[in-house]
Amino acid sequence: MARVSAFVTMLVFSVLFAGTAVAQTGTPPPGPSLNPQQNQSLTDDARQRVIIGVIVVVLFAIVWYGRRVRKKRQKSS
């Protein structure tokens, strides 16, 4: 009976300590990133600039077209 309880005790301890040892040595410590992620604020800033540029071009086209139509109406009357 003593041998069985000693075997079970050794088995339990080996499973408990082996599980923690594998978990600690299984994952390497994080090192420096060779491919760093891009800064999200820079991409958001560039996107906003493109949107603002498109809006400016569309508004400029509306103003240009409106003045052109107004000039043609003034000449015809």
PDB file of N, CA and C in Angstrom:
ATOM      1  N   MET A   1       0.814  -1.188   0.000  1.00  0.00           N
ATOM      2  CA  MET A   1       0.000   0.000   0.000  1.00  0.00           C
ATOM      3  C   MET A   1       0.859   1.253   0.000  1.00  0.00           C
ATOM      4  N   ALA A   2       1.984   1.212   0.683  1.00  0.00           N
ATOM      5  CA  ALA A   2       2.862   2.370   0.747  1.00  0.00           C
ATOM      6  C   ALA A   2       3.462   2.664  -0.623  1.00  0.00           C
ATOM      7  N   ARG A   3       3.740   1.601  -1.369  1.00  0.00           N
ATOM      8  CA  ARG A   3       4.315   1.806  -2.698  1.00  0.00           C
ATOM      9  C   ARG A   3       3.293   2.461  -3.631  1.00  0.00           C
ATOM     10  N   VAL A   4       2.044   2.089  -3.553  1.00  0.00           N
ATOM     11  CA  VAL A   4       0.998   2.653  -4.407  1.00  0.00           C
ATOM     12  C   VAL A   4       0.786   4.119  -4.075  1.00  0.00           C
ATOM     13  N   SER A   5       0.716   4.442  -2.782  1.00  0.00           N
ATOM     14  CA  SER A   5       0.515   5.845  -2.406  1.00  0.00           C
ATOM     15  C   SER A   5       1.740   6.686  -2.774  1.00  0.00           C
ATOM     16  N   ALA A   6       2.924   6.128  -2.669  1.00  0.00           N
ATOM     17  CA  ALA A   6       4.131   6.849  -3.077  1.00  0.00           C
ATOM     18  C   ALA A   6       4.136   7.063  -4.589  1.00  0.00           C
ATOM     19  N   PHE A   7       3.705   6.044  -5.349  1.00  0.00           N
ATOM     20  CA  PHE A   7       3.647   6.170  -6.802  1.00  0.00           C
ATOM     21  C   PHE A   7       2.628   7.215  -7.228  1.00  0.00           C
ATOM     22  N   VAL A   8       1.462   7.215  -6.608  1.00  0.00           N
ATOM     23  CA  VAL A   8       0.412   8.195  -6.936  1.00  0.00           C
ATOM     24  C   VAL A   8       0.878   9.595  -6.576  1.00  0.00           C
ATOM     25  N   THR A   9       1.533   9.720  -5.420  1.00  0.00           N
ATOM     26  CA  THR A   9       2.040  11.022  -5.010  1.00  0.00           C
ATOM     27  C   THR A   9       3.081  11.532  -5.995  1.00  0.00           C
ATOM     28  N   MET A  10       4.008  10.677  -6.410  1.00  0.00           N
ATOM     29  CA  MET A  10       5.024  11.071  -7.384  1.00  0.00           C
ATOM     30  C   MET A  10       4.386  11.421  -8.721  1.00  0.00           C
ATOM     31  N   LEU A  11       3.370  10.668  -9.116  1.00  0.00           N
ATOM     32  CA  LEU A  11       2.672  10.926 -10.372  1.00  0.00           C
ATOM     33  C   LEU A  11       1.974  12.277 -10.334  1.00  0.00           C
ATOM     34  N   VAL A  12       1.310  12.583  -9.231  1.00  0.00           N
ATOM     35  CA  VAL A  12       0.607  13.869  -9.096  1.00  0.00           C
ATOM     36  C   VAL A  12       1.597  15.020  -9.125  1.00  0.00           C
ATOM     37  N   PHE A  13       2.694  14.895  -8.374  1.00  0.00           N
ATOM     38  CA  PHE A  13       3.691  15.967  -8.364  1.00  0.00           C
ATOM     39  C   PHE A  13       4.347  16.144  -9.732  1.00  0.00           C
ATOM     40  N   SER A  14       4.619  15.044 -10.411  1.00  0.00           N
ATOM     41  CA  SER A  14       5.256  15.161 -11.717  1.00  0.00           C
ATOM     42  C   SER A  14       4.327  15.826 -12.730  1.00  0.00           C
ATOM     43  N   VAL A  15       3.040  15.538 -12.660  1.00  0.00           N
ATOM     44  CA  VAL A  15       2.085  16.165 -13.575  1.00  0.00           C
ATOM     45  C   VAL A  15       1.945  17.646 -13.256  1.00  0.00           C
ATOM     46  N   LEU A  16       1.874  17.977 -11.980  1.00  0.00           N
ATOM     47  CA  LEU A  16       1.714  19.377 -11.602  1.00  0.00           C
ATOM     48  C   LEU A  16       2.932  20.210 -11.994  1.00  0.00           C
ATOM     49  N   PHE A  17       4.115  19.725 -11.678  1.00  0.00           N
ATOM     50  CA  PHE A  17       5.316  20.512 -11.961  1.00  0.00           C
ATOM     51  C   PHE A  17       5.710  20.462 -13.431  1.00  0.00           C
ATOM     52  N   ALA A  18       5.399  19.377 -14.121  1.00  0.00           N
ATOM     53  CA  ALA A  18       5.705  19.292 -15.546  1.00  0.00           C
ATOM     54  C   ALA A  18       4.818  20.253 -16.327  1.00  0.00           C
ATOM     55  N   GLY A  19       3.572  20.419 -15.910  1.00  0.00           N
ATOM     56  CA  GLY A  19       2.667  21.348 -16.591  1.00  0.00           C
ATOM     57  C   GLY A  19       3.133  22.780 -16.480  1.00  0.00           C
ATOM     58  N   THR A  20       3.635  23.174 -15.316  1.00  0.00           N
ATOM     59  CA  THR A  20       4.105  24.544 -15.162  1.00  0.00           C
ATOM     60  C   THR A  20       5.428  24.755 -15.879  1.00  0.00           C
ATOM     61  N   ALA A  21       6.274  23.720 -15.939  1.00  0.00           N
ATOM     62  CA  ALA A  21       7.556  23.867 -16.620  1.00  0.00           C
ATOM     63  C   ALA A  21       7.358  24.001 -18.121  1.00  0.00           C
ATOM     64  N   VAL A  22       6.432  23.251 -18.673  1.00  0.00           N
ATOM     65  CA  VAL A  22       6.161  23.349 -20.110  1.00  0.00           C
ATOM     66  C   VAL A  22       5.570  24.704 -20.439  1.00  0.00           C
ATOM     67  N   ALA A  23       4.699  25.204 -19.588  1.00  0.00           N
ATOM     68  CA  ALA A  23       4.065  26.494 -19.849  1.00  0.00           C
ATOM     69  C   ALA A  23       5.097  27.620 -19.792  1.00  0.00           C
ATOM     70  N   GLN A  24       6.084  27.499 -18.919  1.00  0.00           N
ATOM     71  CA  GLN A  24       7.070  28.562 -18.801  1.00  0.00           C
ATOM     72  C   GLN A  24       8.077  28.521 -19.938  1.00  0.00           C
ATOM     73  N   THR A  25       8.503  27.346 -20.364  1.00  0.00           N
ATOM     74  CA  THR A  25       9.523  27.261 -21.403  1.00  0.00           C
ATOM     75  C   THR A  25       8.926  27.142 -22.797  1.00  0.00           C
ATOM     76  N   GLY A  26       7.617  26.945 -22.921  1.00  0.00           N
ATOM     77  CA  GLY A  26       6.982  26.767 -24.211  1.00  0.00           C
ATOM     78  C   GLY A  26       6.915  28.054 -25.026  1.00  0.00           C
ATOM     79  N   THR A  27       6.773  29.185 -24.373  1.00  0.00           N
ATOM     80  CA  THR A  27       6.664  30.446 -25.096  1.00  0.00           C
ATOM     81  C   THR A  27       7.914  31.274 -24.842  1.00  0.00           C
ATOM     82  N   PRO A  28       8.582  31.702 -25.892  1.00  0.00           N
ATOM     83  CA  PRO A  28       9.784  32.523 -25.703  1.00  0.00           C
ATOM     84  C   PRO A  28       9.405  33.936 -25.264  1.00  0.00           C
ATOM     85  N   PRO A  29      10.306  34.619 -24.616  1.00  0.00           N
ATOM     86  CA  PRO A  29      10.013  36.003 -24.215  1.00  0.00           C
ATOM     87  C   PRO A  29       9.928  36.889 -25.456  1.00  0.00           C
ATOM     88  N   PRO A  30       9.074  37.884 -25.429  1.00  0.00           N
ATOM     89  CA  PRO A  30       8.932  38.745 -26.612  1.00  0.00           C
ATOM     90  C   PRO A  30      10.205  39.544 -26.862  1.00  0.00           C
ATOM     91  N   GLY A  31      10.574  39.644 -28.107  1.00  0.00           N
ATOM     92  CA  GLY A  31      11.766  40.397 -28.487  1.00  0.00           C
ATOM     93  C   GLY A  31      11.374  41.624 -29.294  1.00  0.00           C
ATOM     94  N   PRO A  32      12.343  42.290 -29.867  1.00  0.00           N
ATOM     95  CA  PRO A  32      12.024  43.474 -30.665  1.00  0.00           C
ATOM     96  C   PRO A  32      11.286  43.080 -31.942  1.00  0.00           C
ATOM     97  N   SER A  33      10.389  43.930 -32.366  1.00  0.00           N
ATOM     98  CA  SER A  33       9.605  43.656 -33.566  1.00  0.00           C
ATOM     99  C   SER A  33      10.398  44.100 -34.791  1.00  0.00           C
ATOM    100  N   LEU A  34      10.587  43.177 -35.726  1.00  0.00           N
ATOM    101  CA  LEU A  34      11.312  43.513 -36.949  1.00  0.00           C
ATOM    102  C   LEU A  34      10.410  44.194 -37.960  1.00  0.00           C
ATOM    103  N   ASN A  35       9.114  44.019 -37.834  1.00  0.00           N
ATOM    104  CA  ASN A  35       8.161  44.643 -38.731  1.00  0.00           C
ATOM    105  C   ASN A  35       7.127  45.374 -37.875  1.00  0.00           C
ATOM    106  N   PRO A  36       7.421  46.588 -37.407  1.00  0.00           N
ATOM    107  CA  PRO A  36       6.498  47.265 -36.505  1.00  0.00           C
ATOM    108  C   PRO A  36       5.208  47.639 -37.227  1.00  0.00           C
ATOM    109  N   GLN A  37       4.122  47.665 -36.481  1.00  0.00           N
ATOM    110  CA  GLN A  37       2.834  48.036 -37.049  1.00  0.00           C
ATOM    111  C   GLN A  37       2.827  49.526 -37.354  1.00  0.00           C
ATOM    112  N   GLN A  38       2.083  49.891 -38.398  1.00  0.00           N
ATOM    113  CA  GLN A  38       1.989  51.305 -38.751  1.00  0.00           C
ATOM    114  C   GLN A  38       1.160  52.031 -37.713  1.00  0.00           C
ATOM    115  N   ASN A  39       1.477  53.294 -37.558  1.00  0.00           N
ATOM    116  CA  ASN A  39       0.745  54.105 -36.602  1.00  0.00           C
ATOM    117  C   ASN A  39      -0.649  54.362 -37.164  1.00  0.00           C
ATOM    118  N   GLN A  40      -1.682  53.989 -36.431  1.00  0.00           N
ATOM    119  CA  GLN A  40      -3.054  54.098 -36.913  1.00  0.00           C
ATOM    120  C   GLN A  40      -3.451  55.554 -37.113  1.00  0.00           C
ATOM    121  N   SER A  41      -2.926  56.472 -36.306  1.00  0.00           N
ATOM    122  CA  SER A  41      -3.314  57.870 -36.436  1.00  0.00           C
ATOM    123  C   SER A  41      -2.805  58.465 -37.744  1.00  0.00           C
ATOM    124  N   LEU A  42      -1.665  57.994 -38.256  1.00  0.00           N
ATOM    125  CA  LEU A  42      -1.170  58.499 -39.535  1.00  0.00           C
ATOM    126  C   LEU A  42      -2.060  58.065 -40.686  1.00  0.00           C
ATOM    127  N   THR A  43      -2.527  56.843 -40.665  1.00  0.00           N
ATOM    128  CA  THR A  43      -3.399  56.390 -41.744  1.00  0.00           C
ATOM    129  C   THR A  43      -4.749  57.087 -41.675  1.00  0.00           C
ATOM    130  N   ASP A  44      -5.254  57.339 -40.467  1.00  0.00           N
ATOM    131  CA  ASP A  44      -6.515  58.070 -40.330  1.00  0.00           C
ATOM    132  C   ASP A  44      -6.353  59.503 -40.824  1.00  0.00           C
ATOM    133  N   ASP A  45      -5.217  60.112 -40.523  1.00  0.00           N
ATOM    134  CA  ASP A  45      -4.955  61.477 -40.949  1.00  0.00           C
ATOM    135  C   ASP A  45      -4.875  61.559 -42.475  1.00  0.00           C
ATOM    136  N   ALA A  46      -4.203  60.617 -43.099  1.00  0.00           N
ATOM    137  CA  ALA A  46      -4.096  60.613 -44.554  1.00  0.00           C
ATOM    138  C   ALA A  46      -5.465  60.396 -45.189  1.00  0.00           C
ATOM    139  N   ARG A  47      -6.263  59.538 -44.609  1.00  0.00           N
ATOM    140  CA  ARG A  47      -7.608  59.289 -45.150  1.00  0.00           C
ATOM    141  C   ARG A  47      -8.462  60.547 -45.055  1.00  0.00           C
ATOM    142  N   GLN A  48      -8.387  61.250 -43.940  1.00  0.00           N
ATOM    143  CA  GLN A  48      -9.158  62.486 -43.786  1.00  0.00           C
ATOM    144  C   GLN A  48      -8.715  63.535 -44.795  1.00  0.00           C
ATOM    145  N   ARG A  49      -7.418  63.606 -45.063  1.00  0.00           N
ATOM    146  CA  ARG A  49      -6.938  64.573 -46.043  1.00  0.00           C
ATOM    147  C   ARG A  49      -7.455  64.265 -47.444  1.00  0.00           C
ATOM    148  N   VAL A  50      -7.509  62.994 -47.791  1.00  0.00           N
ATOM    149  CA  VAL A  50      -8.031  62.609 -49.106  1.00  0.00           C
ATOM    150  C   VAL A  50      -9.512  62.962 -49.203  1.00  0.00           C
ATOM    151  N   ILE A  51     -10.272  62.692 -48.164  1.00  0.00           N
ATOM    152  CA  ILE A  51     -11.707  63.006 -48.170  1.00  0.00           C
ATOM    153  C   ILE A  51     -11.926  64.501 -48.288  1.00  0.00           C
ATOM    154  N   ILE A  52     -11.161  65.286 -47.546  1.00  0.00           N
ATOM    155  CA  ILE A  52     -11.293  66.740 -47.613  1.00  0.00           C
ATOM    156  C   ILE A  52     -10.907  67.237 -49.002  1.00  0.00           C
ATOM    157  N   GLY A  53      -9.872  66.675 -49.601  1.00  0.00           N
ATOM    158  CA  GLY A  53      -9.467  67.064 -50.952  1.00  0.00           C
ATOM    159  C   GLY A  53     -10.547  66.782 -51.975  1.00  0.00           C
ATOM    160  N   VAL A  54     -11.203  65.629 -51.865  1.00  0.00           N
ATOM    161  CA  VAL A  54     -12.293  65.293 -52.795  1.00  0.00           C
ATOM    162  C   VAL A  54     -13.458  66.258 -52.620  1.00  0.00           C
ATOM    163  N   ILE A  55     -13.783  66.599 -51.390  1.00  0.00           N
ATOM    164  CA  ILE A  55     -14.873  67.547 -51.136  1.00  0.00           C
ATOM    165  C   ILE A  55     -14.540  68.911 -51.718  1.00  0.00           C
ATOM    166  N   VAL A  56     -13.309  69.364 -51.576  1.00  0.00           N
ATOM    167  CA  VAL A  56     -12.896  70.661 -52.123  1.00  0.00           C
ATOM    168  C   VAL A  56     -13.023  70.668 -53.644  1.00  0.00           C
ATOM    169  N   VAL A  57     -12.598  69.586 -54.289  1.00  0.00           N
ATOM    170  CA  VAL A  57     -12.681  69.512 -55.755  1.00  0.00           C
ATOM    171  C   VAL A  57     -14.137  69.520 -56.210  1.00  0.00           C
ATOM    172  N   VAL A  58     -15.004  68.784 -55.519  1.00  0.00           N
ATOM    173  CA  VAL A  58     -16.425  68.747 -55.895  1.00  0.00           C
ATOM    174  C   VAL A  58     -17.065  70.116 -55.713  1.00  0.00           C
ATOM    175  N   LEU A  59     -16.792  70.789 -54.614  1.00  0.00           N
ATOM    176  CA  LEU A  59     -17.355  72.131 -54.409  1.00  0.00           C
ATOM    177  C   LEU A  59     -16.835  73.128 -55.437  1.00  0.00           C
ATOM    178  N   PHE A  60     -15.560  73.033 -55.767  1.00  0.00           N
ATOM    179  CA  PHE A  60     -15.001  73.912 -56.789  1.00  0.00           C
ATOM    180  C   PHE A  60     -15.685  73.672 -58.135  1.00  0.00           C
ATOM    181  N   ALA A  61     -15.946  72.420 -58.482  1.00  0.00           N
ATOM    182  CA  ALA A  61     -16.616  72.100 -59.750  1.00  0.00           C
ATOM    183  C   ALA A  61     -18.040  72.645 -59.763  1.00  0.00           C
ATOM    184  N   ILE A  62     -18.744  72.578 -58.627  1.00  0.00           N
ATOM    185  CA  ILE A  62     -20.104  73.116 -58.552  1.00  0.00           C
ATOM    186  C   ILE A  62     -20.094  74.626 -58.755  1.00  0.00           C
ATOM    187  N   VAL A  63     -19.181  75.330 -58.112  1.00  0.00           N
ATOM    188  CA  VAL A  63     -19.092  76.784 -58.253  1.00  0.00           C
ATOM    189  C   VAL A  63     -18.732  77.159 -59.687  1.00  0.00           C
ATOM    190  N   TRP A  64     -17.769  76.470 -60.270  1.00  0.00           N
ATOM    191  CA  TRP A  64     -17.344  76.766 -61.643  1.00  0.00           C
ATOM    192  C   TRP A  64     -18.497  76.551 -62.623  1.00  0.00           C
ATOM    193  N   TYR A  65     -19.226  75.443 -62.477  1.00  0.00           N
ATOM    194  CA  TYR A  65     -20.341  75.145 -63.368  1.00  0.00           C
ATOM    195  C   TYR A  65     -21.463  76.182 -63.193  1.00  0.00           C
ATOM    196  N   GLY A  66     -21.742  76.580 -61.953  1.00  0.00           N
ATOM    197  CA  GLY A  66     -22.793  77.566 -61.700  1.00  0.00           C
ATOM    198  C   GLY A  66     -22.471  78.913 -62.309  1.00  0.00           C
ATOM    199  N   ARG A  67     -21.236  79.356 -62.214  1.00  0.00           N
ATOM    200  CA  ARG A  67     -20.851  80.638 -62.822  1.00  0.00           C
ATOM    201  C   ARG A  67     -20.916  80.585 -64.343  1.00  0.00           C
ATOM    202  N   ARG A  68     -20.544  79.431 -64.883  1.00  0.00           N
ATOM    203  CA  ARG A  68     -20.576  79.265 -66.338  1.00  0.00           C
ATOM    204  C   ARG A  68     -22.020  79.347 -66.849  1.00  0.00           C
ATOM    205  N   VAL A  69     -22.934  78.685 -66.147  1.00  0.00           N
ATOM    206  CA  VAL A  69     -24.343  78.721 -66.534  1.00  0.00           C
ATOM    207  C   VAL A  69     -24.894  80.131 -66.385  1.00  0.00           C
ATOM    208  N   ARG A  70     -24.518  80.825 -65.306  1.00  0.00           N
ATOM    209  CA  ARG A  70     -25.007  82.185 -65.089  1.00  0.00           C
ATOM    210  C   ARG A  70     -24.517  83.136 -66.184  1.00  0.00           C
ATOM    211  N   LYS A  71     -23.252  82.998 -66.622  1.00  0.00           N
ATOM    212  CA  LYS A  71     -22.720  83.845 -67.696  1.00  0.00           C
ATOM    213  C   LYS A  71     -23.474  83.613 -68.998  1.00  0.00           C
ATOM    214  N   LYS A  72     -23.770  82.366 -69.324  1.00  0.00           N
ATOM    215  CA  LYS A  72     -24.508  82.070 -70.553  1.00  0.00           C
ATOM    216  C   LYS A  72     -25.905  82.654 -70.511  1.00  0.00           C
ATOM    217  N   ARG A  73     -26.566  82.629 -69.353  1.00  0.00           N
ATOM    218  CA  ARG A  73     -27.919  83.204 -69.228  1.00  0.00           C
ATOM    219  C   ARG A  73     -27.881  84.728 -69.377  1.00  0.00           C
ATOM    220  N   GLN A  74     -26.837  85.375 -68.831  1.00  0.00           N
ATOM    221  CA  GLN A  74     -26.736  86.814 -68.938  1.00  0.00           C
ATOM    222  C   GLN A  74     -26.482  87.228 -70.390  1.00  0.00           C
ATOM    223  N   LYS A  75     -25.672  86.469 -71.128  1.00  0.00           N
ATOM    224  CA  LYS A  75     -25.396  86.806 -72.525  1.00  0.00           C
ATOM    225  C   LYS A  75     -26.635  86.638 -73.396  1.00  0.00           C
ATOM    226  N   SER A  76     -27.454  85.652 -73.127  1.00  0.00           N
ATOM    227  CA  SER A  76     -28.625  85.389 -73.972  1.00  0.00           C
ATOM    228  C   SER A  76     -29.750  86.384 -73.725  1.00  0.00           C
ATOM    229  N   SER A  77     -29.803  87.035 -72.579  1.00  0.00           N
ATOM    230  CA  SER A  77     -30.906  87.959 -72.310  1.00  0.00           C
ATOM    231  C   SER A  77     -30.589  89.372 -72.626  1.00  0.00           C
TER     232      SER A  77
END
